[in-house]
């Protein structure tokens, strides 16, 4: 965490408080979003909402896959659904399609 704070401090010092706008958001907003996603990625258990934020897979798609016994493995604890980043990434890798060129 100290490295992240040092990085953020260095960027603030280099660019100042007035960041350029990128796609309607400031660089600061992009950096804060990236930091939140990185912190989320380090969590041991991810909710379907977390998976949606990290990987862009809609919560409804995850639910459909679970009902059809498809998609990434998940853990069910007291009725709540959880994933791990490792489960998601393993599933993504297993579904890679090789394109012949």
N, C-alpha and C. Protein backbone atom coordinates (compact mmCIF):
# COMPACT_ATOMS: atom_id res chain seq x y z
N UNK A 1 0.83 -1.20 0.00
CA UNK A 1 0.00 0.00 0.00
C UNK A 1 0.86 1.25 0.00
N UNK A 2 2.02 1.21 0.62
CA UNK A 2 2.90 2.37 0.67
C UNK A 2 3.37 2.77 -0.73
N UNK A 3 3.64 1.77 -1.58
CA UNK A 3 4.07 2.03 -2.94
C UNK A 3 2.98 2.74 -3.73
N UNK A 4 1.73 2.31 -3.53
CA UNK A 4 0.61 2.95 -4.23
C UNK A 4 0.49 4.42 -3.82
N UNK A 5 0.64 4.69 -2.53
CA UNK A 5 0.55 6.07 -2.04
C UNK A 5 1.70 6.91 -2.57
N UNK A 6 2.89 6.32 -2.62
CA UNK A 6 4.05 7.05 -3.14
C UNK A 6 3.85 7.38 -4.62
N UNK A 7 3.31 6.43 -5.36
CA UNK A 7 3.03 6.64 -6.78
C UNK A 7 2.02 7.76 -6.96
N UNK A 8 0.96 7.71 -6.18
CA UNK A 8 -0.09 8.73 -6.27
C UNK A 8 0.48 10.10 -5.91
N UNK A 9 1.29 10.17 -4.88
CA UNK A 9 1.90 11.43 -4.45
C UNK A 9 2.82 11.98 -5.53
N UNK A 10 3.60 11.10 -6.17
CA UNK A 10 4.52 11.53 -7.22
C UNK A 10 3.76 12.09 -8.42
N UNK A 11 2.66 11.45 -8.77
CA UNK A 11 1.86 11.93 -9.91
C UNK A 11 1.23 13.27 -9.58
N UNK A 12 0.71 13.39 -8.37
CA UNK A 12 0.12 14.67 -7.97
C UNK A 12 1.16 15.79 -8.00
N UNK A 13 2.38 15.48 -7.53
CA UNK A 13 3.44 16.48 -7.52
C UNK A 13 3.85 16.86 -8.93
N UNK A 14 3.91 15.88 -9.82
CA UNK A 14 4.34 16.14 -11.19
C UNK A 14 3.28 16.87 -12.01
N UNK A 15 2.04 16.52 -11.83
CA UNK A 15 0.98 17.08 -12.66
C UNK A 15 0.15 18.16 -11.99
N UNK A 16 0.27 18.28 -10.70
CA UNK A 16 -0.51 19.28 -9.99
C UNK A 16 -1.95 18.87 -9.84
N UNK A 17 -2.75 19.74 -9.30
CA UNK A 17 -4.15 19.43 -9.03
C UNK A 17 -5.03 19.54 -10.26
N UNK A 18 -4.57 20.22 -11.30
CA UNK A 18 -5.40 20.42 -12.49
C UNK A 18 -4.99 19.40 -13.55
N UNK A 19 -5.69 18.30 -13.55
CA UNK A 19 -5.39 17.23 -14.50
C UNK A 19 -6.12 17.47 -15.81
N UNK A 20 -5.51 16.96 -16.87
CA UNK A 20 -6.17 17.00 -18.17
C UNK A 20 -7.35 16.06 -18.17
N UNK A 21 -8.31 16.36 -18.99
CA UNK A 21 -9.50 15.51 -19.08
C UNK A 21 -9.29 14.44 -20.14
N UNK A 22 -9.69 13.21 -19.81
CA UNK A 22 -9.61 12.09 -20.74
C UNK A 22 -10.99 11.45 -20.79
N UNK A 23 -11.61 11.52 -21.92
CA UNK A 23 -12.93 10.91 -22.07
C UNK A 23 -13.96 11.44 -21.10
N UNK A 24 -13.88 12.71 -20.76
CA UNK A 24 -14.85 13.30 -19.86
C UNK A 24 -14.50 13.14 -18.38
N UNK A 25 -13.48 12.37 -18.09
CA UNK A 25 -13.04 12.21 -16.70
C UNK A 25 -11.63 12.75 -16.58
N UNK A 26 -11.29 13.19 -15.40
CA UNK A 26 -9.94 13.69 -15.19
C UNK A 26 -8.98 12.52 -15.00
N UNK A 27 -7.72 12.78 -15.16
CA UNK A 27 -6.70 11.76 -14.94
C UNK A 27 -6.79 11.27 -13.50
N UNK A 28 -7.08 12.16 -12.58
CA UNK A 28 -7.22 11.77 -11.17
C UNK A 28 -8.33 10.73 -11.03
N UNK A 29 -9.47 10.95 -11.68
CA UNK A 29 -10.57 10.00 -11.60
C UNK A 29 -10.15 8.64 -12.18
N UNK A 30 -9.41 8.65 -13.27
CA UNK A 30 -8.93 7.41 -13.87
C UNK A 30 -7.98 6.68 -12.92
N UNK A 31 -7.08 7.44 -12.30
CA UNK A 31 -6.13 6.84 -11.35
C UNK A 31 -6.86 6.26 -10.14
N UNK A 32 -7.84 6.98 -9.64
CA UNK A 32 -8.60 6.49 -8.48
C UNK A 32 -9.38 5.23 -8.85
N UNK A 33 -9.96 5.21 -10.05
CA UNK A 33 -10.69 4.03 -10.51
C UNK A 33 -9.74 2.84 -10.64
N UNK A 34 -8.55 3.08 -11.19
CA UNK A 34 -7.56 2.00 -11.35
C UNK A 34 -7.12 1.48 -9.99
N UNK A 35 -6.93 2.37 -9.03
CA UNK A 35 -6.53 1.95 -7.68
C UNK A 35 -7.62 1.11 -7.02
N UNK A 36 -8.88 1.50 -7.21
CA UNK A 36 -10.00 0.74 -6.64
C UNK A 36 -10.08 -0.65 -7.26
N UNK A 37 -9.90 -0.73 -8.58
CA UNK A 37 -9.93 -2.03 -9.25
C UNK A 37 -8.79 -2.92 -8.80
N UNK A 38 -7.62 -2.34 -8.61
CA UNK A 38 -6.47 -3.13 -8.15
C UNK A 38 -6.71 -3.63 -6.73
N UNK A 39 -7.28 -2.80 -5.88
CA UNK A 39 -7.61 -3.24 -4.52
C UNK A 39 -8.66 -4.34 -4.55
N UNK A 40 -9.62 -4.22 -5.44
CA UNK A 40 -10.67 -5.22 -5.59
C UNK A 40 -10.07 -6.56 -6.03
N UNK A 41 -9.13 -6.49 -6.98
CA UNK A 41 -8.48 -7.69 -7.50
C UNK A 41 -7.75 -8.47 -6.41
N UNK A 42 -7.31 -7.79 -5.38
CA UNK A 42 -6.56 -8.42 -4.29
C UNK A 42 -7.47 -9.05 -3.23
N UNK A 43 -8.77 -8.81 -3.31
CA UNK A 43 -9.69 -9.38 -2.33
C UNK A 43 -9.77 -10.90 -2.53
N UNK A 44 -9.84 -11.65 -1.44
CA UNK A 44 -9.90 -13.11 -1.57
C UNK A 44 -11.20 -13.60 -2.21
N UNK A 45 -12.32 -12.94 -1.92
CA UNK A 45 -13.60 -13.35 -2.48
C UNK A 45 -14.25 -12.16 -3.19
N UNK A 46 -14.75 -12.43 -4.39
CA UNK A 46 -15.38 -11.39 -5.18
C UNK A 46 -16.87 -11.69 -5.35
N UNK A 47 -17.70 -10.70 -5.18
CA UNK A 47 -19.12 -10.86 -5.44
C UNK A 47 -19.34 -10.79 -6.96
N UNK A 48 -20.50 -11.19 -7.44
CA UNK A 48 -20.78 -11.03 -8.87
C UNK A 48 -20.64 -9.56 -9.33
N UNK A 49 -21.00 -8.62 -8.46
CA UNK A 49 -20.85 -7.20 -8.80
C UNK A 49 -19.37 -6.83 -8.95
N UNK A 50 -18.53 -7.39 -8.08
CA UNK A 50 -17.09 -7.16 -8.19
C UNK A 50 -16.56 -7.72 -9.51
N UNK A 51 -17.01 -8.91 -9.86
CA UNK A 51 -16.58 -9.55 -11.12
C UNK A 51 -16.99 -8.67 -12.31
N UNK A 52 -18.17 -8.11 -12.24
CA UNK A 52 -18.65 -7.23 -13.30
C UNK A 52 -17.72 -6.02 -13.44
N UNK A 53 -17.35 -5.40 -12.33
CA UNK A 53 -16.46 -4.24 -12.36
C UNK A 53 -15.08 -4.61 -12.90
N UNK A 54 -14.56 -5.75 -12.47
CA UNK A 54 -13.20 -6.13 -12.85
C UNK A 54 -13.08 -6.66 -14.27
N UNK A 55 -14.04 -7.50 -14.67
CA UNK A 55 -13.91 -8.21 -15.93
C UNK A 55 -14.95 -7.83 -16.97
N UNK A 56 -15.92 -7.02 -16.59
CA UNK A 56 -16.93 -6.58 -17.53
C UNK A 56 -17.98 -7.63 -17.88
N UNK A 57 -18.06 -8.67 -17.06
CA UNK A 57 -19.07 -9.71 -17.28
C UNK A 57 -20.32 -9.30 -16.50
N UNK A 58 -21.43 -9.06 -17.17
CA UNK A 58 -22.63 -8.62 -16.46
C UNK A 58 -23.08 -9.60 -15.38
N UNK A 59 -23.60 -9.08 -14.29
CA UNK A 59 -24.10 -9.89 -13.18
C UNK A 59 -25.16 -10.86 -13.68
N UNK A 60 -26.02 -10.40 -14.57
CA UNK A 60 -27.08 -11.27 -15.10
C UNK A 60 -26.51 -12.42 -15.92
N UNK A 61 -25.42 -12.17 -16.63
CA UNK A 61 -24.77 -13.24 -17.40
C UNK A 61 -24.19 -14.29 -16.46
N UNK A 62 -23.55 -13.84 -15.38
CA UNK A 62 -23.00 -14.78 -14.40
C UNK A 62 -24.12 -15.64 -13.81
N UNK A 63 -25.27 -15.01 -13.51
CA UNK A 63 -26.41 -15.76 -12.96
C UNK A 63 -26.93 -16.79 -13.96
N UNK A 64 -27.02 -16.39 -15.21
CA UNK A 64 -27.48 -17.32 -16.25
C UNK A 64 -26.52 -18.49 -16.38
N UNK A 65 -25.23 -18.20 -16.40
CA UNK A 65 -24.24 -19.27 -16.50
C UNK A 65 -24.35 -20.24 -15.32
N UNK A 66 -24.54 -19.68 -14.12
CA UNK A 66 -24.66 -20.57 -12.94
C UNK A 66 -25.88 -21.47 -13.07
N UNK A 67 -26.98 -20.91 -13.54
CA UNK A 67 -28.21 -21.71 -13.66
C UNK A 67 -28.08 -22.80 -14.73
N UNK A 68 -27.17 -22.60 -15.67
CA UNK A 68 -26.96 -23.57 -16.76
C UNK A 68 -25.70 -24.41 -16.54
N UNK A 69 -25.11 -24.29 -15.35
CA UNK A 69 -23.86 -25.01 -15.02
C UNK A 69 -22.76 -24.71 -16.03
N UNK A 70 -22.66 -23.45 -16.39
CA UNK A 70 -21.62 -22.98 -17.30
C UNK A 70 -20.85 -21.86 -16.60
N UNK A 71 -19.87 -21.35 -17.29
CA UNK A 71 -19.13 -20.21 -16.76
C UNK A 71 -18.08 -20.63 -15.75
N UNK A 72 -17.50 -19.65 -15.08
CA UNK A 72 -16.43 -19.93 -14.13
C UNK A 72 -16.94 -20.61 -12.87
N UNK A 73 -16.06 -21.35 -12.22
CA UNK A 73 -16.40 -21.96 -10.93
C UNK A 73 -16.68 -20.86 -9.93
N UNK A 74 -17.51 -21.16 -8.96
CA UNK A 74 -17.83 -20.18 -7.92
C UNK A 74 -17.97 -20.91 -6.60
N UNK A 75 -18.03 -20.13 -5.55
CA UNK A 75 -18.19 -20.65 -4.20
C UNK A 75 -19.49 -20.12 -3.64
N UNK A 76 -20.24 -20.98 -2.99
CA UNK A 76 -21.50 -20.55 -2.38
C UNK A 76 -21.35 -20.70 -0.87
N UNK A 77 -21.45 -19.59 -0.16
CA UNK A 77 -21.33 -19.57 1.29
C UNK A 77 -22.61 -19.00 1.89
N UNK A 78 -23.33 -19.83 2.62
CA UNK A 78 -24.57 -19.41 3.26
C UNK A 78 -25.50 -18.68 2.30
N UNK A 79 -25.61 -19.20 1.09
CA UNK A 79 -26.53 -18.65 0.11
C UNK A 79 -25.96 -17.52 -0.74
N UNK A 80 -24.77 -17.05 -0.42
CA UNK A 80 -24.16 -15.97 -1.21
C UNK A 80 -23.15 -16.55 -2.18
N UNK A 81 -23.07 -15.96 -3.35
CA UNK A 81 -22.17 -16.40 -4.41
C UNK A 81 -20.89 -15.57 -4.39
N UNK A 82 -19.77 -16.27 -4.48
CA UNK A 82 -18.47 -15.60 -4.53
C UNK A 82 -17.60 -16.25 -5.60
N UNK A 83 -16.70 -15.47 -6.14
CA UNK A 83 -15.71 -15.93 -7.09
C UNK A 83 -14.34 -15.52 -6.56
N UNK A 84 -13.29 -16.09 -7.11
CA UNK A 84 -11.95 -15.59 -6.86
C UNK A 84 -11.40 -15.14 -8.21
N UNK A 85 -10.46 -14.22 -8.18
CA UNK A 85 -9.84 -13.76 -9.42
C UNK A 85 -9.20 -14.95 -10.14
N UNK A 86 -8.63 -15.87 -9.36
CA UNK A 86 -7.99 -17.05 -9.95
C UNK A 86 -9.01 -17.91 -10.70
N UNK A 87 -10.21 -18.09 -10.13
CA UNK A 87 -11.26 -18.86 -10.80
C UNK A 87 -11.66 -18.21 -12.12
N UNK A 88 -11.85 -16.92 -12.10
CA UNK A 88 -12.26 -16.20 -13.30
C UNK A 88 -11.17 -16.28 -14.37
N UNK A 89 -9.94 -16.00 -13.98
CA UNK A 89 -8.85 -15.99 -14.94
C UNK A 89 -8.57 -17.38 -15.50
N UNK A 90 -8.72 -18.41 -14.67
CA UNK A 90 -8.56 -19.78 -15.14
C UNK A 90 -9.63 -20.11 -16.18
N UNK A 91 -10.86 -19.71 -15.91
CA UNK A 91 -11.96 -19.95 -16.84
C UNK A 91 -11.73 -19.21 -18.16
N UNK A 92 -11.28 -17.97 -18.08
CA UNK A 92 -11.01 -17.19 -19.29
C UNK A 92 -9.93 -17.88 -20.12
N UNK A 93 -8.85 -18.31 -19.46
CA UNK A 93 -7.76 -18.99 -20.17
C UNK A 93 -8.24 -20.29 -20.81
N UNK A 94 -9.09 -21.03 -20.11
CA UNK A 94 -9.59 -22.31 -20.63
C UNK A 94 -10.50 -22.12 -21.84
N UNK A 95 -11.04 -20.92 -22.01
CA UNK A 95 -11.95 -20.65 -23.13
C UNK A 95 -11.28 -19.88 -24.26
N UNK A 96 -9.97 -19.82 -24.22
CA UNK A 96 -9.24 -19.13 -25.29
C UNK A 96 -9.42 -19.90 -26.59
N UNK A 97 -9.65 -19.18 -27.66
CA UNK A 97 -9.81 -19.78 -28.98
C UNK A 97 -8.59 -19.40 -29.82
N UNK A 98 -7.92 -20.41 -30.34
CA UNK A 98 -6.75 -20.18 -31.17
C UNK A 98 -7.21 -19.92 -32.59
N UNK A 99 -6.72 -18.84 -33.17
CA UNK A 99 -7.08 -18.48 -34.53
C UNK A 99 -5.93 -18.85 -35.45
N UNK A 100 -6.25 -19.58 -36.49
CA UNK A 100 -5.24 -19.96 -37.46
C UNK A 100 -5.12 -18.85 -38.49
N UNK A 101 -3.92 -18.44 -38.74
CA UNK A 101 -3.68 -17.36 -39.72
C UNK A 101 -2.80 -17.86 -40.83
